[in-house]
Protein backbone atom coordinates (compact mmCIF):
# COMPACT_ATOMS: atom_id res chain seq x y z
CA MET A 1 10.56 -9.50 -22.51
CA ARG A 2 7.81 -11.24 -24.07
CA ALA A 3 7.68 -14.06 -21.13
CA PHE A 4 7.39 -10.80 -18.86
CA ALA A 5 4.48 -8.69 -20.07
CA ASN A 6 2.69 -12.56 -20.72
CA HIS A 7 3.17 -13.26 -17.09
CA PHE A 8 2.12 -9.85 -16.23
CA SER A 9 -1.28 -9.88 -18.46
CA PHE A 10 -1.71 -13.33 -16.64
CA GLU A 11 -1.82 -11.79 -13.21
CA PHE A 12 -3.23 -8.30 -14.26
CA ARG A 13 -6.43 -10.39 -15.94
CA THR A 14 -6.27 -12.74 -12.61
CA GLY A 15 -6.84 -9.96 -10.36
CA LEU A 16 -10.19 -9.13 -12.85
CA ARG A 17 -11.30 -12.46 -12.41
CA ASN A 18 -9.88 -13.75 -8.79
CA LYS A 19 -13.63 -12.60 -6.90
CA ASN A 20 -11.63 -11.81 -3.67
CA LEU A 21 -8.99 -9.70 -5.35
CA LEU A 22 -11.10 -8.18 -7.64
CA MET A 23 -12.90 -7.43 -4.29
CA LEU A 24 -9.97 -5.96 -2.29
CA ASN A 25 -8.74 -4.33 -5.69
CA TYR A 26 -12.13 -2.90 -6.90
CA LEU A 27 -15.55 -3.33 -5.18
CA PHE A 28 -14.69 -3.00 -1.56
CA PRO A 29 -12.65 0.54 -1.71
CA LEU A 30 -15.14 1.95 -4.41
CA GLY A 31 -17.95 0.85 -2.24
CA PHE A 32 -16.58 2.51 0.87
CA TYR A 33 -15.76 5.79 -1.00
CA ALA A 34 -18.98 5.55 -2.13
CA MET A 35 -20.35 5.26 1.37
CA MET A 36 -17.97 7.76 3.45
CA GLY A 37 -19.00 9.95 0.43
CA LEU A 38 -22.37 10.23 1.29
CA MET A 39 -22.57 9.75 4.45
CA MET A 40 -19.07 11.10 6.48
CA THR A 41 -19.19 14.22 4.47
CA GLN A 42 -22.82 14.71 6.23
CA ILE A 43 -21.60 14.01 9.49
CA ASN A 44 -18.01 15.90 9.58
CA PRO A 45 -18.41 18.17 6.98
CA LEU A 46 -14.27 18.89 7.34
CA PHE A 47 -13.84 15.62 6.11
CA LYS A 48 -14.26 16.70 2.49
CA GLU A 49 -11.16 18.34 2.72
CA THR A 50 -9.35 15.08 2.56
CA MET A 51 -11.72 12.91 1.60
CA ILE A 52 -9.33 12.32 -2.14
CA PRO A 53 -6.04 11.58 -0.46
CA ALA A 54 -7.74 9.42 2.38
CA MET A 55 -9.59 7.28 -0.14
CA VAL A 56 -6.73 6.79 -2.60
CA VAL A 57 -4.99 5.61 0.37
CA PHE A 58 -7.48 3.62 1.43
CA GLY A 59 -7.81 1.63 -2.28
CA VAL A 60 -3.68 0.74 -2.35
CA LEU A 61 -4.19 -0.14 1.47
CA SER A 62 -6.65 -2.56 0.40
CA ALA A 63 -4.99 -3.68 -2.69
CA THR A 64 -1.73 -4.27 -1.29
CA ILE A 65 -1.41 -5.01 2.62
CA LEU A 66 -4.88 -6.85 2.19
CA GLY A 67 -4.62 -8.71 -1.19
CA LEU A 68 -1.07 -8.86 -2.40
CA PRO A 69 0.65 -11.70 0.57
CA SER A 70 -1.82 -14.12 0.62
CA PRO A 71 -1.35 -15.16 -3.25
CA LEU A 72 2.52 -15.10 -3.00
CA VAL A 73 1.91 -17.39 0.14
CA GLU A 74 -0.55 -19.74 -1.51
CA ALA A 75 1.95 -19.83 -4.87
CA ARG A 76 4.75 -21.06 -2.61
CA GLU A 77 2.48 -23.75 -0.75
CA ALA A 78 1.51 -25.24 -3.98
CA GLY A 79 4.52 -25.52 -4.85
CA ILE A 80 4.55 -23.00 -8.09
CA PHE A 81 7.20 -21.15 -7.32
CA ARG A 82 9.60 -24.21 -7.18
CA SER A 83 8.38 -25.12 -10.93
CA PHE A 84 9.25 -21.11 -11.47
CA LYS A 85 12.96 -21.74 -10.42
CA ILE A 86 13.49 -24.74 -12.62
CA ASN A 87 12.46 -23.02 -15.80
CA GLY A 88 14.81 -20.19 -14.53
CA VAL A 89 12.53 -17.36 -13.84
CA PRO A 90 14.22 -14.96 -11.43
CA ALA A 91 12.60 -13.99 -8.06
CA VAL A 92 12.77 -10.49 -8.72
CA SER A 93 10.20 -11.39 -11.06
CA ILE A 94 8.25 -13.41 -9.50
CA LEU A 95 7.60 -10.54 -6.85
CA SER A 96 7.71 -7.37 -9.17
CA ILE A 97 4.73 -8.85 -11.43
CA PRO A 98 2.25 -9.05 -8.83
CA ALA A 99 3.64 -6.38 -7.26
CA LEU A 100 3.24 -4.39 -10.39
CA THR A 101 -0.39 -5.50 -11.98
CA THR A 102 -1.91 -5.07 -7.93
CA MET A 103 -0.34 -1.25 -8.43
CA PHE A 104 -1.61 -0.96 -11.81
CA HIS A 105 -5.13 -1.67 -10.65
CA ALA A 106 -4.97 0.43 -6.99
CA LEU A 107 -4.06 3.71 -9.25
CA ILE A 108 -6.86 2.98 -11.59
CA VAL A 109 -8.99 3.65 -7.94
CA ALA A 110 -6.91 6.00 -7.47
CA ALA A 111 -8.00 7.95 -10.44
CA ILE A 112 -11.42 6.86 -9.87
CA ILE A 113 -11.57 8.85 -6.80
CA ALA A 114 -9.85 11.58 -7.87
CA ALA A 115 -11.62 12.86 -10.66
CA THR A 116 -14.90 11.99 -9.11
CA GLY A 117 -14.67 12.96 -5.72
CA THR A 118 -15.22 17.11 -6.49
CA PRO A 119 -17.77 16.70 -8.63
CA LEU A 120 -20.18 13.66 -6.61
CA PHE A 121 -19.11 14.92 -3.00
CA ASP A 122 -17.60 18.39 -3.46
CA ALA A 123 -14.34 17.04 -1.91
CA ALA A 124 -11.23 19.50 -1.71
CA PRO A 125 -9.96 19.63 -5.38
CA VAL A 126 -7.08 18.56 -6.49
CA THR A 127 -4.07 21.77 -7.43
CA ASN A 128 -1.37 19.83 -9.16
CA TRP A 129 -2.01 16.67 -10.84
CA GLY A 130 1.18 16.17 -11.62
CA ALA A 131 2.50 15.43 -7.84
CA PHE A 132 -1.23 14.03 -7.68
CA ALA A 133 -0.01 10.81 -9.88
CA LEU A 134 3.47 10.82 -8.71
CA ILE A 135 2.45 10.59 -4.96
CA ALA A 136 -0.29 7.89 -5.96
CA LEU A 137 2.65 6.20 -7.77
CA LEU A 138 5.18 6.27 -5.04
CA THR A 139 2.25 4.99 -2.22
CA ALA A 140 1.26 2.47 -4.31
CA PHE A 141 4.85 1.17 -4.58
CA VAL A 142 5.56 1.45 -0.56
CA CYS A 143 2.38 -0.21 0.22
CA ALA A 144 2.85 -3.52 -2.45
CA GLY A 145 6.90 -3.40 -1.34
CA LEU A 146 5.23 -3.98 2.48
CA GLY A 147 3.18 -6.32 1.09
CA SER A 148 5.45 -8.03 -1.00
CA LEU A 149 7.73 -8.18 2.38
CA ILE A 150 4.48 -9.96 4.32
CA GLY A 151 4.02 -12.30 1.63
CA VAL A 152 7.72 -13.43 1.62
CA ILE A 153 8.21 -13.92 5.49
CA THR A 154 4.82 -15.27 6.90
CA ALA A 155 4.60 -19.54 6.66
CA ASN A 156 0.46 -19.31 6.04
CA THR A 157 -2.51 -17.59 4.86
CA ARG A 158 -3.92 -17.40 8.66
CA VAL A 159 -0.39 -15.35 9.65
CA THR A 160 -0.03 -13.33 6.72
CA VAL A 161 -4.05 -11.84 7.63
CA LEU A 162 -2.76 -11.13 11.30
CA TRP A 163 0.41 -8.99 9.99
CA SER A 164 -1.48 -7.23 7.16
CA GLN A 165 -4.39 -6.56 10.10
CA MET A 166 -1.28 -5.32 12.01
CA LEU A 167 -0.39 -2.18 9.53
CA TYR A 168 -4.24 -1.76 8.26
CA LEU A 169 -6.18 -0.96 11.73
CA PRO A 170 -3.95 1.50 12.87
CA SER A 171 -3.76 2.89 9.20
CA MET A 172 -7.55 2.96 9.42
CA LEU A 173 -7.38 4.44 13.10
CA ILE A 174 -4.34 7.18 13.23
CA SER A 175 -2.74 8.13 10.40
CA GLY A 176 -5.02 10.88 9.17
CA MET A 177 -7.36 9.00 7.27
CA MET A 178 -10.53 9.70 9.45
CA VAL A 179 -9.15 12.07 11.93
CA PRO A 180 -6.63 15.14 11.00
CA LEU A 181 -3.21 13.96 11.94
CA SER A 182 -3.18 17.22 13.97
CA MET A 183 -6.52 16.94 15.91
CA LEU A 184 -4.61 13.33 17.46
CA PRO A 185 -3.37 13.74 20.84
CA ALA A 186 0.82 13.72 20.92
CA ALA A 187 1.58 10.47 21.65
CA PHE A 188 -0.94 9.22 18.57
CA GLY A 189 0.10 11.50 16.67
CA ARG A 190 3.94 9.96 17.13
CA ILE A 191 3.01 6.35 16.95
CA ALA A 192 1.12 7.09 13.59
CA LEU A 193 4.61 8.71 12.10
CA LEU A 194 5.77 4.83 12.34
CA LEU A 195 3.19 3.83 9.76
CA PRO A 196 4.04 5.00 5.70
CA PRO A 197 0.06 6.02 4.96
CA THR A 198 0.53 8.80 7.30
CA TYR A 199 3.53 10.07 5.24
CA ALA A 200 1.47 9.38 2.04
CA LEU A 201 -1.18 12.06 3.48
CA GLN A 202 1.03 14.64 4.27
CA ALA A 203 2.47 14.35 1.21
CA PHE A 204 -0.98 14.47 -1.21
CA GLN A 205 -2.45 17.59 1.10
CA GLY A 206 1.29 19.40 0.89
CA LEU A 207 1.97 18.92 -2.63
CA ALA A 208 -1.06 17.92 -4.17
CA LEU A 209 -3.94 19.83 -2.81
CA GLY A 210 -1.84 22.83 -1.16
CA GLN A 211 -3.13 22.22 2.49
CA ALA A 212 -1.20 22.98 5.40
CA THR A 213 0.47 19.90 6.56
CA THR A 214 1.33 18.67 10.41
CA VAL A 215 4.66 16.81 8.65
CA SER A 216 6.77 18.38 5.94
CA PRO A 217 5.62 16.87 2.67
CA VAL A 218 8.70 17.01 1.08
CA TRP A 219 10.72 14.71 4.35
CA SER A 220 7.05 12.70 3.80
CA VAL A 221 8.10 11.88 -0.21
CA VAL A 222 11.86 10.95 0.95
CA ILE A 223 10.83 8.72 3.54
CA LEU A 224 8.06 6.84 1.33
CA LEU A 225 11.07 6.59 -1.37
CA ALA A 226 13.76 4.58 1.48
CA GLY A 227 10.69 2.75 3.00
CA GLY A 228 9.48 1.23 -0.88
CA VAL A 229 12.96 0.51 -1.74
CA LEU A 230 14.36 -0.97 1.95
CA ALA A 231 11.03 -3.27 1.45
CA PHE A 232 11.18 -4.53 -1.52
CA ALA A 233 15.06 -5.27 -1.17
CA LEU A 234 14.28 -6.96 2.25
CA ALA A 235 11.50 -9.10 -0.10
CA ILE A 236 14.15 -10.52 -2.64
CA HIS A 237 16.46 -11.27 -0.25
CA LEU A 238 14.15 -13.21 2.19
CA PHE A 239 12.53 -14.51 -0.65
CA ASP A 240 11.58 -18.69 -0.09
CA TRP A 241 11.12 -20.69 -3.25
CA ASP A 242 8.84 -23.71 -1.32
CA ARG A 243 8.32 -23.55 2.33
CA HIS A 244 10.85 -26.76 2.63
CA ASN A 245 13.74 -24.51 1.78
CA ALA A 246 16.65 -25.02 3.87
CA THR A 247 18.76 -22.17 2.53
CA ARG A 248 16.76 -19.44 3.46
CA GLN A 249 19.31 -16.20 3.22
CA GLY A 250 18.01 -14.34 6.44
CA HIS A 251 16.19 -13.98 9.45
CA PRO A 252 12.38 -13.52 8.46
CA LEU A 253 12.77 -10.87 11.73
CA MET A 254 15.12 -9.00 9.13
CA ALA A 255 11.84 -8.03 7.69
CA LEU A 256 11.38 -5.45 10.97
CA LEU A 257 14.32 -3.32 8.89
CA ALA A 258 11.39 -2.40 6.50
CA LEU A 259 10.90 0.12 9.24
CA LEU A 260 13.67 2.47 10.26
CA PRO A 261 12.56 4.82 7.54
CA TYR A 262 9.30 5.31 9.92
CA VAL A 263 11.57 4.86 13.07
CA ALA A 264 13.78 7.87 11.48
CA GLY A 265 10.75 10.21 11.30
CA MET A 266 9.19 9.41 14.22
CA VAL A 267 12.54 10.24 15.88
CA LEU A 268 12.92 13.57 13.58
CA LEU A 269 10.15 14.56 12.89
CA GLY A 270 7.80 14.34 15.65
């Protein structure tokens, strides 16, 4: 337990000392939040209705999908995981500790946004703080699972950026973060149901802000929970100690199974 706590403390401090991680964990999401609060609320006053959940999801995505995979790949390429294996550190700990510390950073940003969004920018207030906290935690869990999975299956940091952007950019455009899901063309609305942030935003709006939603917020929570558990399970199963490992337990394409809950959501709820 002490070793786990020490590893967690080290990883948490790294997220504050490493310039790239500090940027992705705090400076980028909070800077973007301030810019959107000052500009977007003036250009589109309707944005105030979804500003808090949208910026929380943005912060979680930045920390987990952009910030989490590359350090995992770099550590594997440097042989750090191999030394962990020699010292008896299990793969579960190697994946869970960076994920937990990244989630912790993301939740700090979420708390700042939730606390300041209404007094600073007149954003629609949170009406159910318990639901807000649980959905924020669930969203961070899901995205950390996907970030870990990306880090596990990619061979180098250049490919990591590609996979991360394939999830990050569509989430920015069609998940409901910038434009409400109900205003998207039907085809894009269905495609959006393949993205975890779509369900996170629907859950926030329905359960934490008491707003009308396009997708059932309860089913959104169920799909997110299934997706997060599946992503972490696949990341652990596909984990490699180093890039020279010849005993990989499964093919990297197995990672696509993490999309199954979202495909089911698109079919059943679209």
